[in-house]
Amino acid sequence: MPHLGAAYNLARWLVHNDHDAEDMVQEAYLRAFKFFGGYYGGDFRAWLLTIVRNTCYTWLQQNRRLRQAEPIDDNLDEPGLDFADPEMLLLQNLDTQIVTGFAK
């Protein structure tokens, strides 16, 4: 497989994920094989990397739409975001009052 390393490096740089980059390279090689009849010579590496780049751009556009559709409140369960729990707020408030009472 010629230029596999360069194709993977480009895909990894564009999608920022090892697994997705592997998928993009595989998809790009399939596209290159399918459309090899349209290759009229010249720099094969440049032709192949253009297919990798376009494959990654298409994938990024599709995934960007999916990420934008995710609900905003997905991160409420992260540690440190206890504002969603009224009982926790009350306990934190009582702890603050006890600590400030001892400090006086």
PDB file of N, CA and C in Angstrom:
ATOM      1  N   MET A   1       0.849  -1.181   0.000  1.00  0.00           N
ATOM      2  CA  MET A   1       0.000   0.000   0.000  1.00  0.00           C
ATOM      3  C   MET A   1       0.894   1.244   0.000  1.00  0.00           C
ATOM      4  N   PRO A   2       1.029   1.865  -1.144  1.00  0.00           N
ATOM      5  CA  PRO A   2       1.894   3.047  -1.208  1.00  0.00           C
ATOM      6  C   PRO A   2       1.289   4.240  -0.461  1.00  0.00           C
ATOM      7  N   HIS A   3       2.142   4.963   0.206  1.00  0.00           N
ATOM      8  CA  HIS A   3       1.790   6.218   0.872  1.00  0.00           C
ATOM      9  C   HIS A   3       0.798   6.043   2.025  1.00  0.00           C
ATOM     10  N   LEU A   4       0.742   4.864   2.595  1.00  0.00           N
ATOM     11  CA  LEU A   4      -0.196   4.612   3.692  1.00  0.00           C
ATOM     12  C   LEU A   4       0.143   5.471   4.912  1.00  0.00           C
ATOM     13  N   GLY A   5       1.413   5.584   5.227  1.00  0.00           N
ATOM     14  CA  GLY A   5       1.829   6.396   6.383  1.00  0.00           C
ATOM     15  C   GLY A   5       1.458   7.856   6.224  1.00  0.00           C
ATOM     16  N   ALA A   6       1.711   8.396   5.043  1.00  0.00           N
ATOM     17  CA  ALA A   6       1.371   9.800   4.789  1.00  0.00           C
ATOM     18  C   ALA A   6      -0.140  10.011   4.834  1.00  0.00           C
ATOM     19  N   ALA A   7      -0.886   9.059   4.309  1.00  0.00           N
ATOM     20  CA  ALA A   7      -2.351   9.165   4.322  1.00  0.00           C
ATOM     21  C   ALA A   7      -2.871   9.138   5.753  1.00  0.00           C
ATOM     22  N   TYR A   8      -2.325   8.236   6.565  1.00  0.00           N
ATOM     23  CA  TYR A   8      -2.766   8.152   7.963  1.00  0.00           C
ATOM     24  C   TYR A   8      -2.394   9.423   8.718  1.00  0.00           C
ATOM     25  N   ASN A   9      -1.186   9.919   8.526  1.00  0.00           N
ATOM     26  CA  ASN A   9      -0.756  11.133   9.231  1.00  0.00           C
ATOM     27  C   ASN A   9      -1.648  12.319   8.888  1.00  0.00           C
ATOM     28  N   LEU A  10      -2.005  12.446   7.636  1.00  0.00           N
ATOM     29  CA  LEU A  10      -2.895  13.534   7.229  1.00  0.00           C
ATOM     30  C   LEU A  10      -4.269  13.372   7.858  1.00  0.00           C
ATOM     31  N   ALA A  11      -4.818  12.172   7.795  1.00  0.00           N
ATOM     32  CA  ALA A  11      -6.146  11.929   8.369  1.00  0.00           C
ATOM     33  C   ALA A  11      -6.134  12.157   9.882  1.00  0.00           C
ATOM     34  N   ARG A  12      -5.090  11.709  10.545  1.00  0.00           N
ATOM     35  CA  ARG A  12      -4.990  11.878  12.011  1.00  0.00           C
ATOM     36  C   ARG A  12      -4.915  13.353  12.372  1.00  0.00           C
ATOM     37  N   TRP A  13      -4.186  14.123  11.567  1.00  0.00           N
ATOM     38  CA  TRP A  13      -4.059  15.554  11.805  1.00  0.00           C
ATOM     39  C   TRP A  13      -5.400  16.266  11.600  1.00  0.00           C
ATOM     40  N   LEU A  14      -6.191  15.794  10.649  1.00  0.00           N
ATOM     41  CA  LEU A  14      -7.462  16.452  10.345  1.00  0.00           C
ATOM     42  C   LEU A  14      -8.574  16.081  11.318  1.00  0.00           C
ATOM     43  N   VAL A  15      -8.655  14.798  11.724  1.00  0.00           N
ATOM     44  CA  VAL A  15      -9.791  14.365  12.547  1.00  0.00           C
ATOM     45  C   VAL A  15      -9.458  14.243  14.032  1.00  0.00           C
ATOM     46  N   HIS A  16      -8.173  14.316  14.392  1.00  0.00           N
ATOM     47  CA  HIS A  16      -7.737  14.320  15.797  1.00  0.00           C
ATOM     48  C   HIS A  16      -8.142  13.070  16.572  1.00  0.00           C
ATOM     49  N   ASN A  17      -8.198  11.926  15.892  1.00  0.00           N
ATOM     50  CA  ASN A  17      -8.587  10.693  16.567  1.00  0.00           C
ATOM     51  C   ASN A  17      -7.991   9.521  15.784  1.00  0.00           C
ATOM     52  N   ASP A  18      -7.297   8.623  16.490  1.00  0.00           N
ATOM     53  CA  ASP A  18      -6.634   7.500  15.824  1.00  0.00           C
ATOM     54  C   ASP A  18      -7.609   6.585  15.095  1.00  0.00           C
ATOM     55  N   HIS A  19      -8.666   6.200  15.793  1.00  0.00           N
ATOM     56  CA  HIS A  19      -9.626   5.258  15.213  1.00  0.00           C
ATOM     57  C   HIS A  19     -10.328   5.860  13.995  1.00  0.00           C
ATOM     58  N   ASP A  20     -10.771   7.095  14.114  1.00  0.00           N
ATOM     59  CA  ASP A  20     -11.440   7.758  12.995  1.00  0.00           C
ATOM     60  C   ASP A  20     -10.483   7.954  11.824  1.00  0.00           C
ATOM     61  N   ALA A  21      -9.216   8.242  12.120  1.00  0.00           N
ATOM     62  CA  ALA A  21      -8.224   8.412  11.052  1.00  0.00           C
ATOM     63  C   ALA A  21      -8.040   7.113  10.276  1.00  0.00           C
ATOM     64  N   GLU A  22      -8.009   5.992  11.001  1.00  0.00           N
ATOM     65  CA  GLU A  22      -7.904   4.699  10.319  1.00  0.00           C
ATOM     66  C   GLU A  22      -9.096   4.463   9.408  1.00  0.00           C
ATOM     67  N   ASP A  23     -10.285   4.799   9.889  1.00  0.00           N
ATOM     68  CA  ASP A  23     -11.492   4.657   9.073  1.00  0.00           C
ATOM     69  C   ASP A  23     -11.439   5.556   7.839  1.00  0.00           C
ATOM     70  N   MET A  24     -10.936   6.778   8.020  1.00  0.00           N
ATOM     71  CA  MET A  24     -10.867   7.716   6.899  1.00  0.00           C
ATOM     72  C   MET A  24      -9.883   7.228   5.840  1.00  0.00           C
ATOM     73  N   VAL A  25      -8.744   6.674   6.270  1.00  0.00           N
ATOM     74  CA  VAL A  25      -7.768   6.166   5.308  1.00  0.00           C
ATOM     75  C   VAL A  25      -8.348   4.977   4.547  1.00  0.00           C
ATOM     76  N   GLN A  26      -9.026   4.106   5.261  1.00  0.00           N
ATOM     77  CA  GLN A  26      -9.644   2.957   4.597  1.00  0.00           C
ATOM     78  C   GLN A  26     -10.670   3.422   3.568  1.00  0.00           C
ATOM     79  N   GLU A  27     -11.507   4.365   3.952  1.00  0.00           N
ATOM     80  CA  GLU A  27     -12.513   4.894   3.028  1.00  0.00           C
ATOM     81  C   GLU A  27     -11.848   5.579   1.832  1.00  0.00           C
ATOM     82  N   ALA A  28     -10.774   6.313   2.083  1.00  0.00           N
ATOM     83  CA  ALA A  28     -10.076   7.007   0.995  1.00  0.00           C
ATOM     84  C   ALA A  28      -9.445   6.021   0.025  1.00  0.00           C
ATOM     85  N   TYR A  29      -8.862   4.945   0.535  1.00  0.00           N
ATOM     86  CA  TYR A  29      -8.278   3.947  -0.361  1.00  0.00           C
ATOM     87  C   TYR A  29      -9.357   3.251  -1.184  1.00  0.00           C
ATOM     88  N   LEU A  30     -10.519   3.028  -0.587  1.00  0.00           N
ATOM     89  CA  LEU A  30     -11.625   2.446  -1.356  1.00  0.00           C
ATOM     90  C   LEU A  30     -12.071   3.388  -2.473  1.00  0.00           C
ATOM     91  N   ARG A  31     -12.151   4.674  -2.154  1.00  0.00           N
ATOM     92  CA  ARG A  31     -12.530   5.661  -3.177  1.00  0.00           C
ATOM     93  C   ARG A  31     -11.471   5.736  -4.271  1.00  0.00           C
ATOM     94  N   ALA A  32     -10.199   5.705  -3.871  1.00  0.00           N
ATOM     95  CA  ALA A  32      -9.119   5.773  -4.857  1.00  0.00           C
ATOM     96  C   ALA A  32      -9.166   4.566  -5.789  1.00  0.00           C
ATOM     97  N   PHE A  33      -9.408   3.404  -5.223  1.00  0.00           N
ATOM     98  CA  PHE A  33      -9.504   2.194  -6.036  1.00  0.00           C
ATOM     99  C   PHE A  33     -10.687   2.281  -6.996  1.00  0.00           C
ATOM    100  N   LYS A  34     -11.817   2.782  -6.478  1.00  0.00           N
ATOM    101  CA  LYS A  34     -13.034   2.876  -7.289  1.00  0.00           C
ATOM    102  C   LYS A  34     -12.854   3.850  -8.456  1.00  0.00           C
ATOM    103  N   PHE A  35     -12.153   4.957  -8.206  1.00  0.00           N
ATOM    104  CA  PHE A  35     -12.016   5.999  -9.219  1.00  0.00           C
ATOM    105  C   PHE A  35     -10.629   6.022  -9.855  1.00  0.00           C
ATOM    106  N   PHE A  36      -9.908   4.915  -9.779  1.00  0.00           N
ATOM    107  CA  PHE A  36      -8.561   4.858 -10.356  1.00  0.00           C
ATOM    108  C   PHE A  36      -8.587   5.079 -11.866  1.00  0.00           C
ATOM    109  N   GLY A  37      -9.678   4.760 -12.497  1.00  0.00           N
ATOM    110  CA  GLY A  37      -9.812   4.998 -13.935  1.00  0.00           C
ATOM    111  C   GLY A  37      -9.755   6.475 -14.284  1.00  0.00           C
ATOM    112  N   GLY A  38     -10.065   7.339 -13.347  1.00  0.00           N
ATOM    113  CA  GLY A  38     -10.021   8.777 -13.583  1.00  0.00           C
ATOM    114  C   GLY A  38      -8.663   9.391 -13.298  1.00  0.00           C
ATOM    115  N   TYR A  39      -7.705   8.583 -12.875  1.00  0.00           N
ATOM    116  CA  TYR A  39      -6.355   9.063 -12.611  1.00  0.00           C
ATOM    117  C   TYR A  39      -5.587   9.093 -13.921  1.00  0.00           C
ATOM    118  N   TYR A  40      -5.098  10.253 -14.317  1.00  0.00           N
ATOM    119  CA  TYR A  40      -4.452  10.422 -15.616  1.00  0.00           C
ATOM    120  C   TYR A  40      -2.939  10.616 -15.504  1.00  0.00           C
ATOM    121  N   GLY A  41      -2.355  10.135 -14.451  1.00  0.00           N
ATOM    122  CA  GLY A  41      -0.909  10.267 -14.287  1.00  0.00           C
ATOM    123  C   GLY A  41      -0.575  11.455 -13.411  1.00  0.00           C
ATOM    124  N   GLY A  42       0.685  11.709 -13.292  1.00  0.00           N
ATOM    125  CA  GLY A  42       1.122  12.800 -12.432  1.00  0.00           C
ATOM    126  C   GLY A  42       1.533  12.257 -11.081  1.00  0.00           C
ATOM    127  N   ASP A  43       1.501  13.102 -10.090  1.00  0.00           N
ATOM    128  CA  ASP A  43       1.938  12.736  -8.744  1.00  0.00           C
ATOM    129  C   ASP A  43       0.850  11.919  -8.054  1.00  0.00           C
ATOM    130  N   PHE A  44       1.079  10.612  -7.956  1.00  0.00           N
ATOM    131  CA  PHE A  44       0.087   9.720  -7.348  1.00  0.00           C
ATOM    132  C   PHE A  44      -0.138  10.054  -5.878  1.00  0.00           C
ATOM    133  N   ARG A  45       0.949  10.402  -5.177  1.00  0.00           N
ATOM    134  CA  ARG A  45       0.845  10.728  -3.746  1.00  0.00           C
ATOM    135  C   ARG A  45      -0.089  11.926  -3.540  1.00  0.00           C
ATOM    136  N   ALA A  46       0.086  12.960  -4.335  1.00  0.00           N
ATOM    137  CA  ALA A  46      -0.770  14.148  -4.223  1.00  0.00           C
ATOM    138  C   ALA A  46      -2.229  13.802  -4.519  1.00  0.00           C
ATOM    139  N   TRP A  47      -2.441  12.970  -5.538  1.00  0.00           N
ATOM    140  CA  TRP A  47      -3.796  12.548  -5.892  1.00  0.00           C
ATOM    141  C   TRP A  47      -4.442  11.786  -4.734  1.00  0.00           C
ATOM    142  N   LEU A  48      -3.695  10.852  -4.152  1.00  0.00           N
ATOM    143  CA  LEU A  48      -4.215  10.052  -3.047  1.00  0.00           C
ATOM    144  C   LEU A  48      -4.482  10.906  -1.806  1.00  0.00           C
ATOM    145  N   LEU A  49      -3.548  11.796  -1.470  1.00  0.00           N
ATOM    146  CA  LEU A  49      -3.736  12.645  -0.283  1.00  0.00           C
ATOM    147  C   LEU A  49      -4.888  13.624  -0.456  1.00  0.00           C
ATOM    148  N   THR A  50      -5.167  14.012  -1.687  1.00  0.00           N
ATOM    149  CA  THR A  50      -6.342  14.852  -1.950  1.00  0.00           C
ATOM    150  C   THR A  50      -7.620  14.073  -1.653  1.00  0.00           C
ATOM    151  N   ILE A  51      -7.637  12.809  -2.008  1.00  0.00           N
ATOM    152  CA  ILE A  51      -8.798  11.966  -1.708  1.00  0.00           C
ATOM    153  C   ILE A  51      -8.941  11.792  -0.195  1.00  0.00           C
ATOM    154  N   VAL A  52      -7.825  11.592   0.505  1.00  0.00           N
ATOM    155  CA  VAL A  52      -7.863  11.475   1.972  1.00  0.00           C
ATOM    156  C   VAL A  52      -8.409  12.757   2.579  1.00  0.00           C
ATOM    157  N   ARG A  53      -7.890  13.890   2.135  1.00  0.00           N
ATOM    158  CA  ARG A  53      -8.341  15.179   2.667  1.00  0.00           C
ATOM    159  C   ARG A  53      -9.841  15.375   2.432  1.00  0.00           C
ATOM    160  N   ASN A  54     -10.312  15.106   1.224  1.00  0.00           N
ATOM    161  CA  ASN A  54     -11.732  15.292   0.917  1.00  0.00           C
ATOM    162  C   ASN A  54     -12.608  14.316   1.706  1.00  0.00           C
ATOM    163  N   THR A  55     -12.120  13.104   1.910  1.00  0.00           N
ATOM    164  CA  THR A  55     -12.860  12.129   2.712  1.00  0.00           C
ATOM    165  C   THR A  55     -12.995  12.622   4.153  1.00  0.00           C
ATOM    166  N   CYS A  56     -11.911  13.152   4.691  1.00  0.00           N
ATOM    167  CA  CYS A  56     -11.939  13.674   6.060  1.00  0.00           C
ATOM    168  C   CYS A  56     -12.857  14.882   6.174  1.00  0.00           C
ATOM    169  N   TYR A  57     -12.795  15.781   5.203  1.00  0.00           N
ATOM    170  CA  TYR A  57     -13.662  16.965   5.240  1.00  0.00           C
ATOM    171  C   TYR A  57     -15.136  16.571   5.199  1.00  0.00           C
ATOM    172  N   THR A  58     -15.469  15.606   4.369  1.00  0.00           N
ATOM    173  CA  THR A  58     -16.852  15.137   4.304  1.00  0.00           C
ATOM    174  C   THR A  58     -17.282  14.554   5.641  1.00  0.00           C
ATOM    175  N   TRP A  59     -16.416  13.741   6.231  1.00  0.00           N
ATOM    176  CA  TRP A  59     -16.723  13.126   7.527  1.00  0.00           C
ATOM    177  C   TRP A  59     -16.873  14.190   8.616  1.00  0.00           C
ATOM    178  N   LEU A  60     -15.992  15.180   8.606  1.00  0.00           N
ATOM    179  CA  LEU A  60     -16.063  16.239   9.614  1.00  0.00           C
ATOM    180  C   LEU A  60     -17.352  17.051   9.482  1.00  0.00           C
ATOM    181  N   GLN A  61     -17.776  17.323   8.258  1.00  0.00           N
ATOM    182  CA  GLN A  61     -19.024  18.064   8.057  1.00  0.00           C
ATOM    183  C   GLN A  61     -20.215  17.278   8.582  1.00  0.00           C
ATOM    184  N   GLN A  62     -20.251  15.987   8.336  1.00  0.00           N
ATOM    185  CA  GLN A  62     -21.356  15.158   8.809  1.00  0.00           C
ATOM    186  C   GLN A  62     -21.354  15.048  10.327  1.00  0.00           C
ATOM    187  N   ASN A  63     -20.196  14.907  10.934  1.00  0.00           N
ATOM    188  CA  ASN A  63     -20.121  14.777  12.388  1.00  0.00           C
ATOM    189  C   ASN A  63     -20.334  16.102  13.098  1.00  0.00           C
ATOM    190  N   ARG A  64     -19.999  17.200  12.465  1.00  0.00           N
ATOM    191  CA  ARG A  64     -20.230  18.504  13.074  1.00  0.00           C
ATOM    192  C   ARG A  64     -21.732  18.724  13.256  1.00  0.00           C
ATOM    193  N   ARG A  65     -22.514  18.293  12.283  1.00  0.00           N
ATOM    194  CA  ARG A  65     -23.972  18.413  12.403  1.00  0.00           C
ATOM    195  C   ARG A  65     -24.497  17.567  13.555  1.00  0.00           C
ATOM    196  N   LEU A  66     -23.942  16.380  13.728  1.00  0.00           N
ATOM    197  CA  LEU A  66     -24.379  15.509  14.823  1.00  0.00           C
ATOM    198  C   LEU A  66     -24.018  16.095  16.173  1.00  0.00           C
ATOM    199  N   ARG A  67     -22.831  16.680  16.289  1.00  0.00           N
ATOM    200  CA  ARG A  67     -22.409  17.270  17.557  1.00  0.00           C
ATOM    201  C   ARG A  67     -23.238  18.489  17.903  1.00  0.00           C
ATOM    202  N   GLN A  68     -23.648  19.258  16.907  1.00  0.00           N
ATOM    203  CA  GLN A  68     -24.464  20.434  17.158  1.00  0.00           C
ATOM    204  C   GLN A  68     -25.865  20.040  17.613  1.00  0.00           C
ATOM    205  N   ALA A  69     -26.309  18.848  17.287  1.00  0.00           N
ATOM    206  CA  ALA A  69     -27.646  18.407  17.649  1.00  0.00           C
ATOM    207  C   ALA A  69     -27.710  17.817  19.059  1.00  0.00           C
ATOM    208  N   GLU A  70     -26.555  17.632  19.709  1.00  0.00           N
ATOM    209  CA  GLU A  70     -26.549  17.069  21.052  1.00  0.00           C
ATOM    210  C   GLU A  70     -27.140  18.077  22.043  1.00  0.00           C
ATOM    211  N   PRO A  71     -27.850  17.588  23.062  1.00  0.00           N
ATOM    212  CA  PRO A  71     -28.404  18.496  24.058  1.00  0.00           C
ATOM    213  C   PRO A  71     -27.300  19.223  24.833  1.00  0.00           C
ATOM    214  N   ILE A  72     -27.586  20.421  25.245  1.00  0.00           N
ATOM    215  CA  ILE A  72     -26.608  21.241  25.958  1.00  0.00           C
ATOM    216  C   ILE A  72     -26.363  20.734  27.366  1.00  0.00           C
ATOM    217  N   ASP A  73     -27.363  20.168  28.018  1.00  0.00           N
ATOM    218  CA  ASP A  73     -27.232  19.783  29.422  1.00  0.00           C
ATOM    219  C   ASP A  73     -26.617  18.402  29.627  1.00  0.00           C
ATOM    220  N   ASP A  74     -25.855  17.882  28.670  1.00  0.00           N
ATOM    221  CA  ASP A  74     -25.198  16.582  28.827  1.00  0.00           C
ATOM    222  C   ASP A  74     -24.143  16.599  29.915  1.00  0.00           C
ATOM    223  N   ASN A  75     -23.567  17.749  30.205  1.00  0.00           N
ATOM    224  CA  ASN A  75     -22.460  17.828  31.147  1.00  0.00           C
ATOM    225  C   ASN A  75     -22.910  18.089  32.579  1.00  0.00           C
ATOM    226  N   LEU A  76     -24.176  18.002  32.867  1.00  0.00           N
ATOM    227  CA  LEU A  76     -24.651  18.284  34.215  1.00  0.00           C
ATOM    228  C   LEU A  76     -24.218  17.240  35.232  1.00  0.00           C
ATOM    229  N   ASP A  77     -23.902  16.044  34.778  1.00  0.00           N
ATOM    230  CA  ASP A  77     -23.512  14.985  35.688  1.00  0.00           C
ATOM    231  C   ASP A  77     -22.026  14.999  36.019  1.00  0.00           C
ATOM    232  N   GLU A  78     -21.274  15.962  35.508  1.00  0.00           N
ATOM    233  CA  GLU A  78     -19.849  16.033  35.787  1.00  0.00           C
ATOM    234  C   GLU A  78     -19.628  16.441  37.237  1.00  0.00           C
ATOM    235  N   PRO A  79     -18.559  15.940  37.852  1.00  0.00           N
ATOM    236  CA  PRO A  79     -18.239  16.352  39.221  1.00  0.00           C
ATOM    237  C   PRO A  79     -17.992  17.851  39.281  1.00  0.00           C
ATOM    238  N   GLY A  80     -18.409  18.447  40.361  1.00  0.00           N
ATOM    239  CA  GLY A  80     -18.226  19.870  40.538  1.00  0.00           C
ATOM    240  C   GLY A  80     -19.414  20.688  40.076  1.00  0.00           C
ATOM    241  N   LEU A  81     -20.344  20.080  39.410  1.00  0.00           N
ATOM    242  CA  LEU A  81     -21.537  20.791  38.972  1.00  0.00           C
ATOM    243  C   LEU A  81     -22.722  20.318  39.797  1.00  0.00           C
ATOM    244  N   ASP A  82     -22.744  20.702  41.070  1.00  0.00           N
ATOM    245  CA  ASP A  82     -23.771  20.229  41.985  1.00  0.00           C
ATOM    246  C   ASP A  82     -24.974  21.163  42.049  1.00  0.00           C
ATOM    247  N   PHE A  83     -25.023  22.178  41.213  1.00  0.00           N
ATOM    248  CA  PHE A  83     -26.121  23.135  41.272  1.00  0.00           C
ATOM    249  C   PHE A  83     -27.457  22.521  40.884  1.00  0.00           C
ATOM    250  N   ALA A  84     -27.446  21.352  40.268  1.00  0.00           N
ATOM    251  CA  ALA A  84     -28.695  20.737  39.847  1.00  0.00           C
ATOM    252  C   ALA A  84     -29.388  20.009  40.998  1.00  0.00           C
ATOM    253  N   ASP A  85     -28.694  19.801  42.115  1.00  0.00           N
ATOM    254  CA  ASP A  85     -29.235  19.043  43.237  1.00  0.00           C
ATOM    255  C   ASP A  85     -29.522  19.987  44.412  1.00  0.00           C
ATOM    256  N   PRO A  86     -30.800  20.288  44.730  1.00  0.00           N
ATOM    257  CA  PRO A  86     -31.129  21.225  45.809  1.00  0.00           C
ATOM    258  C   PRO A  86     -30.617  20.764  47.177  1.00  0.00           C
ATOM    259  N   GLU A  87     -30.641  19.463  47.434  1.00  0.00           N
ATOM    260  CA  GLU A  87     -30.149  18.956  48.719  1.00  0.00           C
ATOM    261  C   GLU A  87     -28.655  19.240  48.877  1.00  0.00           C
ATOM    262  N   MET A  88     -27.913  19.046  47.796  1.00  0.00           N
ATOM    263  CA  MET A  88     -26.475  19.304  47.844  1.00  0.00           C
ATOM    264  C   MET A  88     -26.213  20.787  48.067  1.00  0.00           C
ATOM    265  N   LEU A  89     -27.005  21.646  47.458  1.00  0.00           N
ATOM    266  CA  LEU A  89     -26.850  23.085  47.664  1.00  0.00           C
ATOM    267  C   LEU A  89     -27.094  23.457  49.123  1.00  0.00           C
ATOM    268  N   LEU A  90     -28.108  22.869  49.740  1.00  0.00           N
ATOM    269  CA  LEU A  90     -28.411  23.140  51.142  1.00  0.00           C
ATOM    270  C   LEU A  90     -27.263  22.695  52.042  1.00  0.00           C
ATOM    271  N   LEU A  91     -26.738  21.501  51.808  1.00  0.00           N
ATOM    272  CA  LEU A  91     -25.626  20.992  52.602  1.00  0.00           C
ATOM    273  C   LEU A  91     -24.376  21.851  52.427  1.00  0.00           C
ATOM    274  N   GLN A  92     -24.108  22.294  51.221  1.00  0.00           N
ATOM    275  CA  GLN A  92     -22.955  23.160  50.990  1.00  0.00           C
ATOM    276  C   GLN A  92     -23.132  24.488  51.713  1.00  0.00           C
ATOM    277  N   ASN A  93     -24.353  25.007  51.687  1.00  0.00           N
ATOM    278  CA  ASN A  93     -24.650  26.261  52.370  1.00  0.00           C
ATOM    279  C   ASN A  93     -24.461  26.107  53.879  1.00  0.00           C
ATOM    280  N   LEU A  94     -24.937  24.998  54.455  1.00  0.00           N
ATOM    281  CA  LEU A  94     -24.758  24.749  55.883  1.00  0.00           C
ATOM    282  C   LEU A  94     -23.278  24.598  56.235  1.00  0.00           C
ATOM    283  N   ASP A  95     -22.527  23.900  55.394  1.00  0.00           N
ATOM    284  CA  ASP A  95     -21.089  23.760  55.623  1.00  0.00           C
ATOM    285  C   ASP A  95     -20.399  25.118  55.606  1.00  0.00           C
ATOM    286  N   THR A  96     -20.789  25.964  54.679  1.00  0.00           N
ATOM    287  CA  THR A  96     -20.200  27.303  54.591  1.00  0.00           C
ATOM    288  C   THR A  96     -20.518  28.105  55.838  1.00  0.00           C
ATOM    289  N   GLN A  97     -21.764  28.008  56.338  1.00  0.00           N
ATOM    290  CA  GLN A  97     -22.144  28.736  57.544  1.00  0.00           C
ATOM    291  C   GLN A  97     -21.368  28.239  58.761  1.00  0.00           C
ATOM    292  N   ILE A  98     -21.163  26.932  58.837  1.00  0.00           N
ATOM    293  CA  ILE A  98     -20.412  26.376  59.969  1.00  0.00           C
ATOM    294  C   ILE A  98     -18.967  26.843  59.915  1.00  0.00           C
ATOM    295  N   VAL A  99     -18.354  26.788  58.752  1.00  0.00           N
ATOM    296  CA  VAL A  99     -16.947  27.197  58.615  1.00  0.00           C
ATOM    297  C   VAL A  99     -16.794  28.690  58.902  1.00  0.00           C
ATOM    298  N   THR A 100     -17.665  29.516  58.380  1.00  0.00           N
ATOM    299  CA  THR A 100     -17.553  30.965  58.605  1.00  0.00           C
ATOM    300  C   THR A 100     -17.887  31.294  60.049  1.00  0.00           C
ATOM    301  N   GLY A 101     -18.732  30.500  60.705  1.00  0.00           N
ATOM    302  CA  GLY A 101     -19.042  30.713  62.113  1.00  0.00           C
ATOM    303  C   GLY A 101     -17.834  30.434  63.005  1.00  0.00           C
ATOM    304  N   PHE A 102     -17.039  29.431  62.644  1.00  0.00           N
ATOM    305  CA  PHE A 102     -15.841  29.104  63.432  1.00  0.00           C
ATOM    306  C   PHE A 102     -14.735  30.121  63.178  1.00  0.00           C
ATOM    307  N   ALA A 103     -14.741  30.734  61.986  1.00  0.00           N
ATOM    308  CA  ALA A 103     -13.687  31.669  61.655  1.00  0.00           C
ATOM    309  C   ALA A 103     -13.846  32.990  62.392  1.00  0.00           C
ATOM    310  N   LYS A 104     -15.031  33.304  62.864  1.00  0.00           N
ATOM    311  CA  LYS A 104     -15.287  34.590  63.522  1.00  0.00           C
ATOM    312  C   LYS A 104     -14.823  34.585  64.939  1.00  0.00           C
TER     313      LYS A 104
END
